[in-house]
PDB file of N, CA and C in Angstrom:
ATOM      1  N   MET A   1      11.187 -13.154  -1.634  1.00  0.00           N
ATOM      2  CA  MET A   1      10.685 -11.789  -1.678  1.00  0.00           C
ATOM      3  C   MET A   1      11.068 -11.085  -0.367  1.00  0.00           C
ATOM      4  N   ALA A   2      11.356  -9.837  -0.433  1.00  0.00           N
ATOM      5  CA  ALA A   2      11.781  -9.054   0.720  1.00  0.00           C
ATOM      6  C   ALA A   2      10.601  -8.746   1.644  1.00  0.00           C
ATOM      7  N   THR A   3      10.889  -8.576   2.916  1.00  0.00           N
ATOM      8  CA  THR A   3       9.894  -8.209   3.901  1.00  0.00           C
ATOM      9  C   THR A   3       9.791  -6.696   3.974  1.00  0.00           C
ATOM     10  N   LEU A   4       8.564  -6.193   4.087  1.00  0.00           N
ATOM     11  CA  LEU A   4       8.342  -4.756   4.210  1.00  0.00           C
ATOM     12  C   LEU A   4       8.707  -4.316   5.624  1.00  0.00           C
ATOM     13  N   THR A   5       9.703  -3.438   5.740  1.00  0.00           N
ATOM     14  CA  THR A   5      10.102  -2.900   7.036  1.00  0.00           C
ATOM     15  C   THR A   5      10.332  -1.402   6.898  1.00  0.00           C
ATOM     16  N   GLY A   6      10.368  -0.753   8.025  1.00  0.00           N
ATOM     17  CA  GLY A   6      10.639   0.673   8.057  1.00  0.00           C
ATOM     18  C   GLY A   6      11.508   0.982   9.255  1.00  0.00           C
ATOM     19  N   LEU A   7      11.747   2.257   9.475  1.00  0.00           N
ATOM     20  CA  LEU A   7      12.522   2.697  10.620  1.00  0.00           C
ATOM     21  C   LEU A   7      11.697   3.676  11.439  1.00  0.00           C
ATOM     22  N   THR A   8      11.842   3.583  12.748  1.00  0.00           N
ATOM     23  CA  THR A   8      11.214   4.563  13.619  1.00  0.00           C
ATOM     24  C   THR A   8      12.077   5.823  13.612  1.00  0.00           C
ATOM     25  N   LYS A   9      11.594   6.873  14.234  1.00  0.00           N
ATOM     26  CA  LYS A   9      12.368   8.122  14.311  1.00  0.00           C
ATOM     27  C   LYS A   9      13.708   7.884  14.999  1.00  0.00           C
ATOM     28  N   GLY A  10      13.719   6.943  15.931  1.00  0.00           N
ATOM     29  CA  GLY A  10      14.951   6.623  16.651  1.00  0.00           C
ATOM     30  C   GLY A  10      15.864   5.663  15.914  1.00  0.00           C
ATOM     31  N   GLY A  11      15.485   5.249  14.700  1.00  0.00           N
ATOM     32  CA  GLY A  11      16.336   4.374  13.910  1.00  0.00           C
ATOM     33  C   GLY A  11      16.119   2.888  14.137  1.00  0.00           C
ATOM     34  N   LEU A  12      15.115   2.523  14.928  1.00  0.00           N
ATOM     35  CA  LEU A  12      14.840   1.110  15.164  1.00  0.00           C
ATOM     36  C   LEU A  12      14.015   0.531  14.018  1.00  0.00           C
ATOM     37  N   ALA A  13      14.263  -0.729  13.711  1.00  0.00           N
ATOM     38  CA  ALA A  13      13.516  -1.403  12.647  1.00  0.00           C
ATOM     39  C   ALA A  13      12.067  -1.621  13.095  1.00  0.00           C
ATOM     40  N   TRP A  14      11.145  -1.484  12.143  1.00  0.00           N
ATOM     41  CA  TRP A  14       9.720  -1.644  12.423  1.00  0.00           C
ATOM     42  C   TRP A  14       9.071  -2.365  11.249  1.00  0.00           C
ATOM     43  N   GLU A  15       8.285  -3.403  11.539  1.00  0.00           N
ATOM     44  CA  GLU A  15       7.565  -4.125  10.497  1.00  0.00           C
ATOM     45  C   GLU A  15       6.067  -3.889  10.678  1.00  0.00           C
ATOM     46  N   PRO A  16       5.410  -3.250   9.718  1.00  0.00           N
ATOM     47  CA  PRO A  16       3.977  -3.009   9.839  1.00  0.00           C
ATOM     48  C   PRO A  16       3.199  -4.317   9.792  1.00  0.00           C
ATOM     49  N   ARG A  17       2.137  -4.382  10.586  1.00  0.00           N
ATOM     50  CA  ARG A  17       1.231  -5.539  10.606  1.00  0.00           C
ATOM     51  C   ARG A  17      -0.156  -5.010  10.311  1.00  0.00           C
ATOM     52  N   PHE A  18      -0.750  -5.492   9.243  1.00  0.00           N
ATOM     53  CA  PHE A  18      -1.993  -4.970   8.704  1.00  0.00           C
ATOM     54  C   PHE A  18      -3.201  -5.736   9.235  1.00  0.00           C
ATOM     55  N   VAL A  19      -4.304  -5.020   9.501  1.00  0.00           N
ATOM     56  CA  VAL A  19      -5.515  -5.656  10.007  1.00  0.00           C
ATOM     57  C   VAL A  19      -6.091  -6.571   8.931  1.00  0.00           C
ATOM     58  N   THR A  20      -6.390  -7.808   9.316  1.00  0.00           N
ATOM     59  CA  THR A  20      -6.941  -8.783   8.381  1.00  0.00           C
ATOM     60  C   THR A  20      -8.340  -9.235   8.768  1.00  0.00           C
ATOM     61  N   ALA A  21      -8.666  -9.159  10.068  1.00  0.00           N
ATOM     62  CA  ALA A  21      -9.980  -9.624  10.513  1.00  0.00           C
ATOM     63  C   ALA A  21     -10.316  -9.039  11.878  1.00  0.00           C
ATOM     64  N   ILE A  22     -11.617  -9.043  12.177  1.00  0.00           N
ATOM     65  CA  ILE A  22     -12.124  -8.654  13.496  1.00  0.00           C
ATOM     66  C   ILE A  22     -13.089  -9.747  13.936  1.00  0.00           C
ATOM     67  N   ASP A  23     -12.904 -10.254  15.138  1.00  0.00           N
ATOM     68  CA  ASP A  23     -13.761 -11.325  15.660  1.00  0.00           C
ATOM     69  C   ASP A  23     -15.140 -10.756  15.978  1.00  0.00           C
ATOM     70  N   LYS A  24     -16.136 -11.102  15.172  1.00  0.00           N
ATOM     71  CA  LYS A  24     -17.485 -10.549  15.341  1.00  0.00           C
ATOM     72  C   LYS A  24     -18.160 -11.039  16.615  1.00  0.00           C
ATOM     73  N   ASP A  25     -17.719 -12.180  17.151  1.00  0.00           N
ATOM     74  CA  ASP A  25     -18.315 -12.695  18.378  1.00  0.00           C
ATOM     75  C   ASP A  25     -17.798 -11.962  19.614  1.00  0.00           C
ATOM     76  N   THR A  26     -16.608 -11.406  19.517  1.00  0.00           N
ATOM     77  CA  THR A  26     -15.987 -10.703  20.637  1.00  0.00           C
ATOM     78  C   THR A  26     -16.240  -9.200  20.592  1.00  0.00           C
ATOM     79  N   CYS A  27     -16.373  -8.639  19.392  1.00  0.00           N
ATOM     80  CA  CYS A  27     -16.506  -7.194  19.209  1.00  0.00           C
ATOM     81  C   CYS A  27     -17.738  -6.636  19.922  1.00  0.00           C
ATOM     82  N   LEU A  28     -17.547  -5.543  20.650  1.00  0.00           N
ATOM     83  CA  LEU A  28     -18.644  -4.867  21.351  1.00  0.00           C
ATOM     84  C   LEU A  28     -19.353  -3.839  20.481  1.00  0.00           C
ATOM     85  N   GLY A  29     -18.695  -3.435  19.406  1.00  0.00           N
ATOM     86  CA  GLY A  29     -19.244  -2.374  18.564  1.00  0.00           C
ATOM     87  C   GLY A  29     -19.129  -1.011  19.218  1.00  0.00           C
ATOM     88  N   CYS A  30     -18.136  -0.834  20.068  1.00  0.00           N
ATOM     89  CA  CYS A  30     -17.973   0.415  20.819  1.00  0.00           C
ATOM     90  C   CYS A  30     -17.479   1.570  19.938  1.00  0.00           C
ATOM     91  N   GLY A  31     -16.785   1.248  18.832  1.00  0.00           N
ATOM     92  CA  GLY A  31     -16.333   2.270  17.911  1.00  0.00           C
ATOM     93  C   GLY A  31     -14.996   2.901  18.241  1.00  0.00           C
ATOM     94  N   ARG A  32     -14.314   2.442  19.274  1.00  0.00           N
ATOM     95  CA  ARG A  32     -13.019   3.034  19.626  1.00  0.00           C
ATOM     96  C   ARG A  32     -12.005   2.868  18.502  1.00  0.00           C
ATOM     97  N   CYS A  33     -11.975   1.677  17.896  1.00  0.00           N
ATOM     98  CA  CYS A  33     -11.021   1.440  16.811  1.00  0.00           C
ATOM     99  C   CYS A  33     -11.358   2.294  15.594  1.00  0.00           C
ATOM    100  N   PHE A  34     -12.635   2.482  15.341  1.00  0.00           N
ATOM    101  CA  PHE A  34     -13.075   3.317  14.224  1.00  0.00           C
ATOM    102  C   PHE A  34     -12.596   4.753  14.414  1.00  0.00           C
ATOM    103  N   LYS A  35     -12.705   5.247  15.644  1.00  0.00           N
ATOM    104  CA  LYS A  35     -12.312   6.629  15.936  1.00  0.00           C
ATOM    105  C   LYS A  35     -10.807   6.842  15.848  1.00  0.00           C
ATOM    106  N   VAL A  36     -10.018   5.837  16.203  1.00  0.00           N
ATOM    107  CA  VAL A  36      -8.564   6.003  16.213  1.00  0.00           C
ATOM    108  C   VAL A  36      -7.956   5.817  14.820  1.00  0.00           C
ATOM    109  N   CYS A  37      -8.686   5.171  13.920  1.00  0.00           N
ATOM    110  CA  CYS A  37      -8.168   4.938  12.562  1.00  0.00           C
ATOM    111  C   CYS A  37      -8.523   6.121  11.666  1.00  0.00           C
ATOM    112  N   GLY A  38      -7.511   6.776  11.150  1.00  0.00           N
ATOM    113  CA  GLY A  38      -7.733   7.914  10.268  1.00  0.00           C
ATOM    114  C   GLY A  38      -7.680   7.545   8.795  1.00  0.00           C
ATOM    115  N   ARG A  39      -7.719   6.249   8.480  1.00  0.00           N
ATOM    116  CA  ARG A  39      -7.537   5.787   7.109  1.00  0.00           C
ATOM    117  C   ARG A  39      -8.800   5.188   6.486  1.00  0.00           C
ATOM    118  N   ASN A  40      -9.948   5.266   7.161  1.00  0.00           N
ATOM    119  CA  ASN A  40     -11.209   4.731   6.639  1.00  0.00           C
ATOM    120  C   ASN A  40     -11.107   3.227   6.343  1.00  0.00           C
ATOM    121  N   VAL A  41     -10.503   2.481   7.263  1.00  0.00           N
ATOM    122  CA  VAL A  41     -10.342   1.037   7.096  1.00  0.00           C
ATOM    123  C   VAL A  41     -11.540   0.293   7.655  1.00  0.00           C
ATOM    124  N   LEU A  42     -12.111   0.765   8.762  1.00  0.00           N
ATOM    125  CA  LEU A  42     -13.149   0.040   9.496  1.00  0.00           C
ATOM    126  C   LEU A  42     -14.533   0.640   9.310  1.00  0.00           C
ATOM    127  N   MET A  43     -15.569  -0.195   9.555  1.00  0.00           N
ATOM    128  CA  MET A  43     -16.954   0.250   9.441  1.00  0.00           C
ATOM    129  C   MET A  43     -17.830  -0.585  10.368  1.00  0.00           C
ATOM    130  N   LEU A  44     -18.796   0.061  11.032  1.00  0.00           N
ATOM    131  CA  LEU A  44     -19.774  -0.668  11.841  1.00  0.00           C
ATOM    132  C   LEU A  44     -20.778  -1.339  10.914  1.00  0.00           C
ATOM    133  N   GLN A  45     -21.070  -2.603  11.181  1.00  0.00           N
ATOM    134  CA  GLN A  45     -21.994  -3.372  10.351  1.00  0.00           C
ATOM    135  C   GLN A  45     -23.073  -3.981  11.256  1.00  0.00           C
ATOM    136  N   PRO A  46     -24.365  -3.761  10.936  1.00  0.00           N
ATOM    137  CA  PRO A  46     -25.438  -4.350  11.748  1.00  0.00           C
ATOM    138  C   PRO A  46     -25.522  -5.864  11.569  1.00  0.00           C
ATOM    139  N   MET A  47     -25.901  -6.544  12.658  1.00  0.00           N
ATOM    140  CA  MET A  47     -26.082  -7.998  12.643  1.00  0.00           C
ATOM    141  C   MET A  47     -27.447  -8.345  13.215  1.00  0.00           C
ATOM    142  N   ASN A  48     -27.979  -9.484  12.808  1.00  0.00           N
ATOM    143  CA  ASN A  48     -29.230  -9.964  13.394  1.00  0.00           C
ATOM    144  C   ASN A  48     -28.926 -10.895  14.563  1.00  0.00           C
ATOM    145  N   GLU A  49     -29.974 -11.468  15.154  1.00  0.00           N
ATOM    146  CA  GLU A  49     -29.782 -12.319  16.335  1.00  0.00           C
ATOM    147  C   GLU A  49     -29.078 -13.630  16.013  1.00  0.00           C
ATOM    148  N   PHE A  50     -28.938 -13.966  14.736  1.00  0.00           N
ATOM    149  CA  PHE A  50     -28.264 -15.193  14.321  1.00  0.00           C
ATOM    150  C   PHE A  50     -26.789 -14.972  14.016  1.00  0.00           C
ATOM    151  N   GLY A  51     -26.299 -13.747  14.207  1.00  0.00           N
ATOM    152  CA  GLY A  51     -24.907 -13.424  13.936  1.00  0.00           C
ATOM    153  C   GLY A  51     -24.600 -13.227  12.469  1.00  0.00           C
ATOM    154  N   GLU A  52     -25.636 -12.919  11.670  1.00  0.00           N
ATOM    155  CA  GLU A  52     -25.467 -12.694  10.246  1.00  0.00           C
ATOM    156  C   GLU A  52     -25.509 -11.198   9.960  1.00  0.00           C
ATOM    157  N   PHE A  53     -24.623 -10.735   9.071  1.00  0.00           N
ATOM    158  CA  PHE A  53     -24.637  -9.334   8.671  1.00  0.00           C
ATOM    159  C   PHE A  53     -25.877  -9.061   7.836  1.00  0.00           C
ATOM    160  N   ILE A  54     -26.492  -7.878   8.050  1.00  0.00           N
ATOM    161  CA  ILE A  54     -27.723  -7.533   7.343  1.00  0.00           C
ATOM    162  C   ILE A  54     -27.615  -6.132   6.748  1.00  0.00           C
ATOM    163  N   ASP A  55     -28.555  -5.804   5.842  1.00  0.00           N
ATOM    164  CA  ASP A  55     -28.638  -4.461   5.276  1.00  0.00           C
ATOM    165  C   ASP A  55     -29.068  -3.478   6.349  1.00  0.00           C
ATOM    166  N   GLU A  56     -28.532  -2.262   6.297  1.00  0.00           N
ATOM    167  CA  GLU A  56     -28.912  -1.235   7.265  1.00  0.00           C
ATOM    168  C   GLU A  56     -30.360  -0.797   7.077  1.00  0.00           C
ATOM    169  N   ASP A  57     -30.940  -1.072   5.904  1.00  0.00           N
ATOM    170  CA  ASP A  57     -32.320  -0.678   5.635  1.00  0.00           C
ATOM    171  C   ASP A  57     -33.329  -1.514   6.415  1.00  0.00           C
ATOM    172  N   ASP A  58     -32.903  -2.663   6.901  1.00  0.00           N
ATOM    173  CA  ASP A  58     -33.799  -3.593   7.579  1.00  0.00           C
ATOM    174  C   ASP A  58     -33.710  -3.393   9.093  1.00  0.00           C
ATOM    175  N   ASP A  59     -34.208  -2.254   9.585  1.00  0.00           N
ATOM    176  CA  ASP A  59     -34.064  -1.869  10.996  1.00  0.00           C
ATOM    177  C   ASP A  59     -34.684  -2.856  11.975  1.00  0.00           C
ATOM    178  N   ASP A  60     -35.721  -3.575  11.577  1.00  0.00           N
ATOM    179  CA  ASP A  60     -36.410  -4.492  12.491  1.00  0.00           C
ATOM    180  C   ASP A  60     -35.540  -5.673  12.902  1.00  0.00           C
ATOM    181  N   ASP A  61     -34.595  -6.060  12.051  1.00  0.00           N
ATOM    182  CA  ASP A  61     -33.776  -7.232  12.321  1.00  0.00           C
ATOM    183  C   ASP A  61     -32.470  -6.930  13.035  1.00  0.00           C
ATOM    184  N   ILE A  62     -32.144  -5.655  13.246  1.00  0.00           N
ATOM    185  CA  ILE A  62     -30.860  -5.297  13.848  1.00  0.00           C
ATOM    186  C   ILE A  62     -30.845  -5.676  15.328  1.00  0.00           C
ATOM    187  N   GLU A  63     -29.920  -6.556  15.673  1.00  0.00           N
ATOM    188  CA  GLU A  63     -29.711  -6.984  17.052  1.00  0.00           C
ATOM    189  C   GLU A  63     -28.601  -6.153  17.692  1.00  0.00           C
ATOM    190  N   ARG A  64     -27.503  -6.016  16.974  1.00  0.00           N
ATOM    191  CA  ARG A  64     -26.357  -5.243  17.443  1.00  0.00           C
ATOM    192  C   ARG A  64     -25.489  -4.886  16.248  1.00  0.00           C
ATOM    193  N   GLN A  65     -24.469  -4.052  16.480  1.00  0.00           N
ATOM    194  CA  GLN A  65     -23.535  -3.689  15.429  1.00  0.00           C
ATOM    195  C   GLN A  65     -22.130  -4.098  15.851  1.00  0.00           C
ATOM    196  N   VAL A  66     -21.357  -4.568  14.885  1.00  0.00           N
ATOM    197  CA  VAL A  66     -19.966  -4.936  15.140  1.00  0.00           C
ATOM    198  C   VAL A  66     -19.085  -4.269  14.081  1.00  0.00           C
ATOM    199  N   MET A  67     -17.819  -4.153  14.394  1.00  0.00           N
ATOM    200  CA  MET A  67     -16.875  -3.546  13.471  1.00  0.00           C
ATOM    201  C   MET A  67     -16.431  -4.574  12.440  1.00  0.00           C
ATOM    202  N   THR A  68     -16.241  -4.126  11.202  1.00  0.00           N
ATOM    203  CA  THR A  68     -15.727  -4.972  10.132  1.00  0.00           C
ATOM    204  C   THR A  68     -14.586  -4.250   9.418  1.00  0.00           C
ATOM    205  N   VAL A  69     -13.777  -5.013   8.710  1.00  0.00           N
ATOM    206  CA  VAL A  69     -12.701  -4.453   7.905  1.00  0.00           C
ATOM    207  C   VAL A  69     -13.296  -4.143   6.532  1.00  0.00           C
ATOM    208  N   ALA A  70     -13.658  -2.900   6.309  1.00  0.00           N
ATOM    209  CA  ALA A  70     -14.350  -2.495   5.089  1.00  0.00           C
ATOM    210  C   ALA A  70     -13.391  -2.180   3.945  1.00  0.00           C
ATOM    211  N   ASN A  71     -12.263  -1.561   4.261  1.00  0.00           N
ATOM    212  CA  ASN A  71     -11.296  -1.140   3.242  1.00  0.00           C
ATOM    213  C   ASN A  71      -9.880  -1.553   3.658  1.00  0.00           C
ATOM    214  N   PRO A  72      -9.555  -2.846   3.592  1.00  0.00           N
ATOM    215  CA  PRO A  72      -8.242  -3.300   4.063  1.00  0.00           C
ATOM    216  C   PRO A  72      -7.074  -2.689   3.293  1.00  0.00           C
ATOM    217  N   GLU A  73      -7.328  -2.278   2.054  1.00  0.00           N
ATOM    218  CA  GLU A  73      -6.255  -1.692   1.244  1.00  0.00           C
ATOM    219  C   GLU A  73      -5.802  -0.336   1.775  1.00  0.00           C
ATOM    220  N   ASN A  74      -6.579   0.292   2.664  1.00  0.00           N
ATOM    221  CA  ASN A  74      -6.213   1.585   3.250  1.00  0.00           C
ATOM    222  C   ASN A  74      -5.350   1.458   4.505  1.00  0.00           C
ATOM    223  N   CYS A  75      -5.233   0.247   5.046  1.00  0.00           N
ATOM    224  CA  CYS A  75      -4.493   0.031   6.294  1.00  0.00           C
ATOM    225  C   CYS A  75      -3.004   0.290   6.087  1.00  0.00           C
ATOM    226  N   ILE A  76      -2.386   1.012   7.039  1.00  0.00           N
ATOM    227  CA  ILE A  76      -0.947   1.288   6.971  1.00  0.00           C
ATOM    228  C   ILE A  76      -0.150   0.431   7.966  1.00  0.00           C
ATOM    229  N   GLY A  77      -0.814  -0.429   8.708  1.00  0.00           N
ATOM    230  CA  GLY A  77      -0.130  -1.362   9.593  1.00  0.00           C
ATOM    231  C   GLY A  77       0.325  -0.805  10.917  1.00  0.00           C
ATOM    232  N   CYS A  78      -0.311   0.252  11.398  1.00  0.00           N
ATOM    233  CA  CYS A  78       0.121   0.887  12.654  1.00  0.00           C
ATOM    234  C   CYS A  78      -0.376   0.148  13.896  1.00  0.00           C
ATOM    235  N   GLU A  79      -1.428  -0.650  13.770  1.00  0.00           N
ATOM    236  CA  GLU A  79      -2.042  -1.432  14.853  1.00  0.00           C
ATOM    237  C   GLU A  79      -2.673  -0.583  15.956  1.00  0.00           C
ATOM    238  N   ALA A  80      -2.982   0.672  15.664  1.00  0.00           N
ATOM    239  CA  ALA A  80      -3.634   1.524  16.659  1.00  0.00           C
ATOM    240  C   ALA A  80      -5.000   0.953  17.038  1.00  0.00           C
ATOM    241  N   CYS A  81      -5.705   0.372  16.086  1.00  0.00           N
ATOM    242  CA  CYS A  81      -7.029  -0.197  16.350  1.00  0.00           C
ATOM    243  C   CYS A  81      -6.943  -1.322  17.382  1.00  0.00           C
ATOM    244  N   ALA A  82      -5.930  -2.161  17.268  1.00  0.00           N
ATOM    245  CA  ALA A  82      -5.769  -3.270  18.210  1.00  0.00           C
ATOM    246  C   ALA A  82      -5.380  -2.772  19.603  1.00  0.00           C
ATOM    247  N   ARG A  83      -4.564  -1.729  19.656  1.00  0.00           N
ATOM    248  CA  ARG A  83      -4.129  -1.220  20.960  1.00  0.00           C
ATOM    249  C   ARG A  83      -5.264  -0.564  21.735  1.00  0.00           C
ATOM    250  N   ILE A  84      -6.235   0.029  21.034  1.00  0.00           N
ATOM    251  CA  ILE A  84      -7.339   0.722  21.709  1.00  0.00           C
ATOM    252  C   ILE A  84      -8.495  -0.222  22.057  1.00  0.00           C
ATOM    253  N   CYS A  85      -8.544  -1.382  21.436  1.00  0.00           N
ATOM    254  CA  CYS A  85      -9.671  -2.311  21.596  1.00  0.00           C
ATOM    255  C   CYS A  85      -9.677  -2.957  22.985  1.00  0.00           C
ATOM    256  N   PRO A  86     -10.781  -2.806  23.740  1.00  0.00           N
ATOM    257  CA  PRO A  86     -10.837  -3.406  25.078  1.00  0.00           C
ATOM    258  C   PRO A  86     -10.993  -4.920  25.050  1.00  0.00           C
ATOM    259  N   LYS A  87     -11.437  -5.495  23.924  1.00  0.00           N
ATOM    260  CA  LYS A  87     -11.663  -6.937  23.815  1.00  0.00           C
ATOM    261  C   LYS A  87     -10.596  -7.671  23.010  1.00  0.00           C
ATOM    262  N   LYS A  88      -9.639  -6.927  22.444  1.00  0.00           N
ATOM    263  CA  LYS A  88      -8.534  -7.525  21.679  1.00  0.00           C
ATOM    264  C   LYS A  88      -9.045  -8.461  20.584  1.00  0.00           C
ATOM    265  N   CYS A  89      -9.972  -7.969  19.766  1.00  0.00           N
ATOM    266  CA  CYS A  89     -10.592  -8.824  18.747  1.00  0.00           C
ATOM    267  C   CYS A  89     -10.029  -8.622  17.346  1.00  0.00           C
ATOM    268  N   HIS A  90      -8.984  -7.802  17.191  1.00  0.00           N
ATOM    269  CA  HIS A  90      -8.389  -7.554  15.870  1.00  0.00           C
ATOM    270  C   HIS A  90      -7.271  -8.562  15.590  1.00  0.00           C
ATOM    271  N   THR A  91      -7.189  -8.991  14.339  1.00  0.00           N
ATOM    272  CA  THR A  91      -6.107  -9.854  13.876  1.00  0.00           C
ATOM    273  C   THR A  91      -5.267  -9.055  12.883  1.00  0.00           C
ATOM    274  N   HIS A  92      -3.971  -9.043  13.104  1.00  0.00           N
ATOM    275  CA  HIS A  92      -3.039  -8.324  12.229  1.00  0.00           C
ATOM    276  C   HIS A  92      -1.964  -9.298  11.719  1.00  0.00           C
ATOM    277  N   GLU A  93      -1.521  -9.061  10.493  1.00  0.00           N
ATOM    278  CA  GLU A  93      -0.463  -9.874   9.898  1.00  0.00           C
ATOM    279  C   GLU A  93       0.441  -8.980   9.046  1.00  0.00           C
ATOM    280  N   PRO A  94       1.733  -9.349   8.954  1.00  0.00           N
ATOM    281  CA  PRO A  94       2.603  -8.618   8.037  1.00  0.00           C
ATOM    282  C   PRO A  94       2.225  -8.978   6.605  1.00  0.00           C
ATOM    283  N   LEU A  95       2.732  -8.209   5.650  1.00  0.00           N
ATOM    284  CA  LEU A  95       2.485  -8.536   4.253  1.00  0.00           C
ATOM    285  C   LEU A  95       3.085  -9.908   3.966  1.00  0.00           C
ATOM    286  N   PRO A  96       2.379 -10.727   3.186  1.00  0.00           N
ATOM    287  CA  PRO A  96       2.949 -12.040   2.858  1.00  0.00           C
ATOM    288  C   PRO A  96       4.228 -11.892   2.044  1.00  0.00           C
ATOM    289  N   ALA A  97       5.164 -12.752   2.329  1.00  0.00           N
ATOM    290  CA  ALA A  97       6.468 -12.705   1.642  1.00  0.00           C
ATOM    291  C   ALA A  97       6.372 -13.269   0.242  1.00  0.00           C
TER     292      ALA A  97
END
């Protein structure tokens, strides 16, 4: 199967790498990646003190919030989220061959 590639404005080959995961233990929940992504790929998700994701309705159990990949099908592979992240917690991969 062919690899998905494109060209930059300058004619250089470019292979998009799509976000596949965010390390919840490293993520600060700062929201920088959320702000830079214009494709609605990411979402802040509340966690309890045990590192488990919880419903937003359960305010008493919220310890902190971390970013999650909510809509991976919207990712265009630009990696802007990874470049803005101060903790480098995003994982990106090219489309499988």
